[in-house]
Amino acid sequence: MRLAWNEPLKGALYEGEAVKKRAIINLLNKTMSAHKRMFMHWHEFSVTLRHLLRSRATIALFENISSTLSSSLSDFITPDAIVKLKEKVLN
C-alpha cells in the first residue's frame, strides 16, 4: 500500500480539528447556564433513545421477515432425499 505525501499532514490536521472542537465545546459548557446544560443533556439523551428505539424496531422487522421466509421457503429448500423419503412413506 502506497502512502501519499500528504498523509502525515492529514493526521496533524485531524488532530488540530479535534483539539479545536473540544476547546469550543468546553467553552460553551463553561459559559452556558445550568438550565441550558441540563436541556442539552436531555436533548442528547432523547436523540440517543430515539436512535435505539428505531434500531430495535428495524431489528425486529428483519427478524420477522427472516422467520417468515424461513418457514414459508422451507419446503423449497429441503434436500431431495428427505422429500423422496416423505413421498415413500406417504405412498
N, C-alpha and C. Protein backbone atom coordinates (compact mmCIF):
# COMPACT_ATOMS: atom_id res chain seq x y z
N MET A 1 0.85 -1.17 0.00
CA MET A 1 0.00 0.00 0.00
C MET A 1 0.90 1.24 0.00
N ARG A 2 0.63 2.11 -0.90
CA ARG A 2 1.46 3.29 -1.05
C ARG A 2 0.84 4.47 -0.31
N LEU A 3 1.62 5.13 0.49
CA LEU A 3 1.14 6.29 1.22
C LEU A 3 1.42 7.56 0.42
N ALA A 4 0.50 8.44 0.44
CA ALA A 4 0.69 9.70 -0.25
C ALA A 4 1.57 10.62 0.59
N TRP A 5 2.09 11.63 -0.04
CA TRP A 5 2.98 12.56 0.67
C TRP A 5 2.24 13.39 1.70
N ASN A 6 0.93 13.51 1.57
CA ASN A 6 0.19 14.37 2.49
C ASN A 6 -0.48 13.62 3.63
N GLU A 7 -0.21 12.32 3.78
CA GLU A 7 -0.81 11.54 4.87
C GLU A 7 -0.43 12.09 6.25
N PRO A 8 0.83 12.39 6.52
CA PRO A 8 1.16 12.96 7.84
C PRO A 8 0.48 14.31 8.08
N LEU A 9 0.29 15.08 7.02
CA LEU A 9 -0.38 16.36 7.17
C LEU A 9 -1.85 16.18 7.51
N LYS A 10 -2.47 15.16 6.93
CA LYS A 10 -3.87 14.89 7.24
C LYS A 10 -4.04 14.53 8.71
N GLY A 11 -3.11 13.71 9.23
CA GLY A 11 -3.19 13.33 10.64
C GLY A 11 -3.07 14.54 11.55
N ALA A 12 -2.14 15.43 11.23
CA ALA A 12 -1.97 16.64 12.03
C ALA A 12 -3.19 17.54 11.91
N LEU A 13 -3.77 17.61 10.72
CA LEU A 13 -4.97 18.42 10.51
C LEU A 13 -6.13 17.88 11.34
N TYR A 14 -6.33 16.55 11.31
CA TYR A 14 -7.43 15.94 12.07
C TYR A 14 -7.24 16.14 13.57
N GLU A 15 -6.00 16.01 14.04
CA GLU A 15 -5.73 16.22 15.47
C GLU A 15 -6.01 17.67 15.86
N GLY A 16 -5.59 18.61 15.01
CA GLY A 16 -5.83 20.03 15.29
C GLY A 16 -7.32 20.35 15.30
N GLU A 17 -8.06 19.75 14.36
CA GLU A 17 -9.51 19.99 14.33
C GLU A 17 -10.20 19.40 15.56
N ALA A 18 -9.73 18.24 16.02
CA ALA A 18 -10.31 17.63 17.21
C ALA A 18 -10.04 18.48 18.45
N VAL A 19 -8.83 19.01 18.57
CA VAL A 19 -8.49 19.88 19.71
C VAL A 19 -9.33 21.14 19.67
N LYS A 20 -9.49 21.71 18.48
CA LYS A 20 -10.29 22.94 18.32
C LYS A 20 -11.75 22.67 18.68
N LYS A 21 -12.29 21.56 18.21
CA LYS A 21 -13.69 21.21 18.51
C LYS A 21 -13.89 21.01 20.01
N ARG A 22 -12.95 20.31 20.65
CA ARG A 22 -13.06 20.07 22.09
C ARG A 22 -12.98 21.38 22.87
N ALA A 23 -12.10 22.31 22.43
CA ALA A 23 -11.97 23.62 23.10
C ALA A 23 -13.26 24.42 22.98
N ILE A 24 -13.89 24.38 21.82
CA ILE A 24 -15.15 25.11 21.64
C ILE A 24 -16.25 24.51 22.50
N ILE A 25 -16.30 23.18 22.56
CA ILE A 25 -17.31 22.52 23.41
C ILE A 25 -17.09 22.88 24.88
N ASN A 26 -15.84 22.87 25.33
CA ASN A 26 -15.54 23.25 26.72
C ASN A 26 -15.92 24.69 26.99
N LEU A 27 -15.64 25.59 26.04
CA LEU A 27 -16.00 26.99 26.21
C LEU A 27 -17.51 27.16 26.32
N LEU A 28 -18.26 26.48 25.45
CA LEU A 28 -19.72 26.57 25.51
C LEU A 28 -20.26 26.00 26.82
N ASN A 29 -19.69 24.88 27.28
CA ASN A 29 -20.15 24.27 28.53
C ASN A 29 -19.89 25.19 29.73
N LYS A 30 -18.77 25.91 29.71
CA LYS A 30 -18.45 26.80 30.83
C LYS A 30 -19.33 28.04 30.86
N THR A 31 -19.72 28.52 29.69
CA THR A 31 -20.46 29.78 29.63
C THR A 31 -21.98 29.61 29.68
N MET A 32 -22.50 28.40 29.44
CA MET A 32 -23.96 28.24 29.44
C MET A 32 -24.49 28.06 30.86
N SER A 33 -25.74 28.36 31.03
CA SER A 33 -26.36 28.26 32.35
C SER A 33 -26.66 26.80 32.67
N ALA A 34 -27.00 26.57 33.93
CA ALA A 34 -27.29 25.20 34.37
C ALA A 34 -28.52 24.65 33.67
N HIS A 35 -29.53 25.49 33.46
CA HIS A 35 -30.74 25.04 32.77
C HIS A 35 -30.44 24.64 31.33
N LYS A 36 -29.65 25.44 30.68
CA LYS A 36 -29.29 25.14 29.29
C LYS A 36 -28.47 23.85 29.23
N ARG A 37 -27.56 23.67 30.18
CA ARG A 37 -26.74 22.46 30.22
C ARG A 37 -27.62 21.22 30.43
N MET A 38 -28.59 21.32 31.35
CA MET A 38 -29.50 20.20 31.58
C MET A 38 -30.35 19.92 30.35
N PHE A 39 -30.77 20.98 29.66
CA PHE A 39 -31.54 20.80 28.43
C PHE A 39 -30.70 20.09 27.37
N MET A 40 -29.43 20.46 27.26
CA MET A 40 -28.56 19.81 26.28
C MET A 40 -28.37 18.34 26.60
N HIS A 41 -28.21 18.00 27.89
CA HIS A 41 -28.09 16.59 28.29
C HIS A 41 -29.38 15.83 27.95
N TRP A 42 -30.51 16.44 28.25
CA TRP A 42 -31.79 15.81 27.96
C TRP A 42 -31.95 15.60 26.45
N HIS A 43 -31.57 16.60 25.67
CA HIS A 43 -31.70 16.51 24.21
C HIS A 43 -30.83 15.39 23.66
N GLU A 44 -29.58 15.31 24.10
CA GLU A 44 -28.69 14.25 23.64
C GLU A 44 -29.24 12.88 24.04
N PHE A 45 -29.77 12.77 25.25
CA PHE A 45 -30.34 11.51 25.71
C PHE A 45 -31.55 11.13 24.87
N SER A 46 -32.42 12.08 24.57
CA SER A 46 -33.63 11.77 23.80
C SER A 46 -33.28 11.38 22.37
N VAL A 47 -32.28 12.00 21.77
CA VAL A 47 -31.86 11.63 20.42
C VAL A 47 -31.28 10.22 20.42
N THR A 48 -30.46 9.90 21.43
CA THR A 48 -29.90 8.56 21.53
C THR A 48 -31.00 7.53 21.74
N LEU A 49 -31.96 7.84 22.59
CA LEU A 49 -33.07 6.92 22.83
C LEU A 49 -33.88 6.70 21.55
N ARG A 50 -34.11 7.75 20.79
CA ARG A 50 -34.85 7.63 19.52
C ARG A 50 -34.10 6.72 18.55
N HIS A 51 -32.78 6.86 18.48
CA HIS A 51 -31.98 6.00 17.61
C HIS A 51 -32.05 4.55 18.07
N LEU A 52 -31.97 4.33 19.38
CA LEU A 52 -32.04 2.97 19.90
C LEU A 52 -33.39 2.32 19.61
N LEU A 53 -34.47 3.06 19.80
CA LEU A 53 -35.80 2.51 19.53
C LEU A 53 -35.98 2.21 18.04
N ARG A 54 -35.48 3.10 17.19
CA ARG A 54 -35.56 2.86 15.76
C ARG A 54 -34.74 1.64 15.36
N SER A 55 -33.57 1.47 15.96
CA SER A 55 -32.75 0.30 15.68
C SER A 55 -33.43 -0.98 16.15
N ARG A 56 -34.03 -0.93 17.33
CA ARG A 56 -34.73 -2.09 17.86
C ARG A 56 -35.90 -2.48 16.95
N ALA A 57 -36.63 -1.49 16.44
CA ALA A 57 -37.75 -1.77 15.53
C ALA A 57 -37.25 -2.37 14.22
N THR A 58 -36.13 -1.87 13.72
CA THR A 58 -35.56 -2.41 12.48
C THR A 58 -35.11 -3.84 12.66
N ILE A 59 -34.46 -4.13 13.79
CA ILE A 59 -34.02 -5.50 14.07
C ILE A 59 -35.22 -6.43 14.18
N ALA A 60 -36.27 -5.99 14.85
CA ALA A 60 -37.47 -6.82 14.98
C ALA A 60 -38.10 -7.07 13.61
N LEU A 61 -38.11 -6.06 12.75
CA LEU A 61 -38.66 -6.22 11.41
C LEU A 61 -37.89 -7.28 10.63
N PHE A 62 -36.55 -7.19 10.65
CA PHE A 62 -35.76 -8.17 9.91
C PHE A 62 -35.85 -9.56 10.51
N GLU A 63 -35.98 -9.68 11.83
CA GLU A 63 -36.18 -10.99 12.44
C GLU A 63 -37.52 -11.58 12.00
N ASN A 64 -38.54 -10.75 11.93
CA ASN A 64 -39.86 -11.20 11.48
C ASN A 64 -39.80 -11.65 10.02
N ILE A 65 -39.14 -10.88 9.17
CA ILE A 65 -39.00 -11.24 7.76
C ILE A 65 -38.23 -12.55 7.63
N SER A 66 -37.17 -12.67 8.40
CA SER A 66 -36.35 -13.88 8.34
C SER A 66 -37.13 -15.11 8.76
N SER A 67 -37.88 -15.02 9.85
CA SER A 67 -38.65 -16.18 10.30
C SER A 67 -39.76 -16.52 9.32
N THR A 68 -40.39 -15.50 8.74
CA THR A 68 -41.45 -15.74 7.76
C THR A 68 -40.89 -16.41 6.51
N LEU A 69 -39.76 -15.92 6.03
CA LEU A 69 -39.16 -16.52 4.85
C LEU A 69 -38.67 -17.94 5.12
N SER A 70 -38.07 -18.16 6.27
CA SER A 70 -37.56 -19.50 6.56
C SER A 70 -38.70 -20.50 6.71
N SER A 71 -39.83 -20.09 7.27
CA SER A 71 -40.94 -21.02 7.42
C SER A 71 -41.66 -21.27 6.10
N SER A 72 -41.77 -20.24 5.26
CA SER A 72 -42.52 -20.42 4.01
C SER A 72 -41.66 -21.04 2.91
N LEU A 73 -40.36 -20.87 3.00
CA LEU A 73 -39.48 -21.42 1.97
C LEU A 73 -38.83 -22.73 2.36
N SER A 74 -39.17 -23.25 3.53
CA SER A 74 -38.51 -24.47 3.99
C SER A 74 -38.84 -25.66 3.08
N ASP A 75 -40.03 -25.67 2.46
CA ASP A 75 -40.39 -26.76 1.56
C ASP A 75 -39.55 -26.74 0.29
N PHE A 76 -39.17 -25.56 -0.15
CA PHE A 76 -38.39 -25.46 -1.37
C PHE A 76 -36.91 -25.73 -1.13
N ILE A 77 -36.48 -25.57 0.09
CA ILE A 77 -35.05 -25.69 0.40
C ILE A 77 -34.69 -27.09 0.89
N THR A 78 -35.65 -27.90 1.28
CA THR A 78 -35.35 -29.23 1.82
C THR A 78 -34.65 -30.08 0.77
N PRO A 79 -33.72 -30.90 1.20
CA PRO A 79 -33.00 -31.76 0.25
C PRO A 79 -33.93 -32.78 -0.42
N ASP A 80 -33.56 -33.22 -1.60
CA ASP A 80 -34.38 -34.16 -2.35
C ASP A 80 -34.52 -35.50 -1.64
N ALA A 81 -33.50 -35.91 -0.91
CA ALA A 81 -33.56 -37.19 -0.21
C ALA A 81 -34.70 -37.20 0.82
N ILE A 82 -34.86 -36.09 1.53
CA ILE A 82 -35.92 -36.00 2.54
C ILE A 82 -37.28 -35.99 1.87
N VAL A 83 -37.39 -35.29 0.74
CA VAL A 83 -38.66 -35.23 0.01
C VAL A 83 -39.03 -36.61 -0.50
N LYS A 84 -38.06 -37.34 -1.05
CA LYS A 84 -38.33 -38.68 -1.56
C LYS A 84 -38.72 -39.62 -0.43
N LEU A 85 -38.09 -39.48 0.71
CA LEU A 85 -38.43 -40.30 1.87
C LEU A 85 -39.86 -40.03 2.32
N LYS A 86 -40.27 -38.78 2.35
CA LYS A 86 -41.63 -38.43 2.73
C LYS A 86 -42.65 -39.00 1.74
N GLU A 87 -42.32 -38.91 0.44
CA GLU A 87 -43.22 -39.46 -0.57
C GLU A 87 -43.33 -40.97 -0.44
N LYS A 88 -42.22 -41.62 -0.13
CA LYS A 88 -42.22 -43.08 0.02
C LYS A 88 -43.06 -43.50 1.22
N VAL A 89 -42.97 -42.74 2.31
CA VAL A 89 -43.73 -43.04 3.50
C VAL A 89 -45.23 -42.83 3.26
N LEU A 90 -45.56 -41.77 2.54
CA LEU A 90 -46.96 -41.45 2.28
C LEU A 90 -47.61 -42.41 1.27
N ASN A 91 -46.81 -42.95 0.36
CA ASN A 91 -47.37 -43.88 -0.64
C ASN A 91 -47.40 -45.24 -0.12
